[in-house]
């Protein structure tokens, strides 16, 4: 943990406290560096920290009603359904 903490620019004690939910999670940038270090998806770690990637927030801000409706509609869809929809969207590009 000490090596990872130093590589992402935080104190090991802070990272330990984040793990135990004793302090607020680090910034998006530090979470992204942590994801890279751990070979994890940054969006997953951001979500675990109660955050949303700034690029996604910008997309939502441009069309809040459309994306609000879309996300609420997709909220109950199964992973299988969502993956099928994504495959269709990627092919259409």
Protein backbone atom coordinates (compact mmCIF):
# COMPACT_ATOMS: atom_id res chain seq x y z
CA UNK A 1 0.00 0.00 0.00
CA UNK A 2 2.87 2.36 0.79
CA UNK A 3 4.35 2.08 -2.70
CA UNK A 4 1.00 2.58 -4.42
CA UNK A 5 0.18 5.56 -2.19
CA UNK A 6 3.48 7.25 -3.01
CA UNK A 7 3.10 6.59 -6.74
CA UNK A 8 -0.30 8.28 -6.81
CA UNK A 9 0.85 11.18 -4.64
CA UNK A 10 -0.82 10.54 -1.29
CA UNK A 11 0.36 9.48 2.13
CA UNK A 12 -0.06 5.77 2.95
CA UNK A 13 -2.01 6.68 6.09
CA UNK A 14 -4.47 8.69 4.01
CA UNK A 15 -5.02 5.81 1.61
CA UNK A 16 -5.62 3.51 4.57
CA UNK A 17 -8.17 5.95 6.00
CA UNK A 18 -9.92 6.14 2.61
CA UNK A 19 -10.14 2.35 2.59
CA UNK A 20 -11.76 2.41 6.04
CA UNK A 21 -14.07 5.27 4.95
CA UNK A 22 -12.68 7.55 7.66
CA UNK A 23 -11.94 10.39 5.24
CA UNK A 24 -13.36 11.61 1.95
CA UNK A 25 -12.09 9.90 -1.18
CA UNK A 26 -9.28 11.52 -3.16
CA UNK A 27 -9.72 13.70 -6.22
CA UNK A 28 -10.70 12.33 -9.60
CA UNK A 29 -7.10 12.62 -10.78
CA UNK A 30 -5.75 10.58 -7.89
CA UNK A 31 -8.50 7.99 -8.32
CA UNK A 32 -7.57 7.71 -12.01
CA UNK A 33 -3.90 7.22 -11.09
CA UNK A 34 -4.92 4.59 -8.53
CA UNK A 35 -7.00 2.79 -11.15
CA UNK A 36 -3.99 2.77 -13.48
CA UNK A 37 -1.74 1.41 -10.72
CA UNK A 38 -4.26 -1.32 -9.85
CA UNK A 39 -5.19 -2.01 -13.49
CA UNK A 40 -8.83 -1.29 -12.69
CA UNK A 41 -11.49 0.61 -14.59
CA UNK A 42 -11.38 4.27 -13.47
CA UNK A 43 -15.17 4.58 -13.78
CA UNK A 44 -15.62 1.70 -11.34
CA UNK A 45 -13.30 3.24 -8.75
CA UNK A 46 -14.88 6.66 -9.23
CA UNK A 47 -18.30 5.13 -8.71
CA UNK A 48 -17.13 3.40 -5.55
CA UNK A 49 -16.02 6.83 -4.33
CA UNK A 50 -19.44 8.29 -5.11
CA UNK A 51 -18.09 10.27 -8.06
CA UNK A 52 -18.70 10.47 -11.79
CA UNK A 53 -15.97 11.10 -14.33
CA UNK A 54 -15.72 14.75 -15.36
CA UNK A 55 -16.00 13.84 -19.06
CA UNK A 56 -19.30 12.05 -18.39
CA UNK A 57 -20.58 14.98 -16.34
CA UNK A 58 -19.82 17.31 -19.25
CA UNK A 59 -21.78 15.09 -21.64
CA UNK A 60 -24.75 15.07 -19.26
CA UNK A 61 -24.53 18.87 -18.73
CA UNK A 62 -24.83 19.48 -22.47
CA UNK A 63 -28.17 17.64 -22.64
CA UNK A 64 -29.39 17.05 -19.08
CA UNK A 65 -33.01 16.20 -19.89
CA UNK A 66 -32.10 13.72 -22.61
CA UNK A 67 -29.43 11.94 -20.60
CA UNK A 68 -31.50 12.02 -17.40
CA UNK A 69 -34.35 10.28 -19.21
CA UNK A 70 -31.96 7.85 -20.89
CA UNK A 71 -30.19 6.87 -17.69
CA UNK A 72 -33.43 6.47 -15.74
CA UNK A 73 -34.88 4.33 -18.54
CA UNK A 74 -31.79 2.14 -18.65
CA UNK A 75 -31.52 1.85 -14.89
CA UNK A 76 -33.69 -1.26 -14.74
CA UNK A 77 -32.32 -2.95 -17.87
CA UNK A 78 -30.30 -6.14 -17.45
CA UNK A 79 -26.58 -6.18 -18.18
CA UNK A 80 -27.28 -8.50 -21.10
CA UNK A 81 -29.74 -6.02 -22.61
CA UNK A 82 -27.33 -3.12 -22.11
CA UNK A 83 -24.42 -5.01 -23.68
CA UNK A 84 -26.61 -5.82 -26.70
CA UNK A 85 -27.57 -2.18 -27.07
CA UNK A 86 -23.94 -1.12 -26.82
CA UNK A 87 -22.86 -3.60 -29.48
CA UNK A 88 -25.52 -2.14 -31.78
CA UNK A 89 -24.38 1.41 -31.11
CA UNK A 90 -20.71 0.63 -31.67
CA UNK A 91 -21.47 -1.05 -35.02
CA UNK A 92 -23.43 1.99 -36.21
CA UNK A 93 -20.48 4.37 -35.76
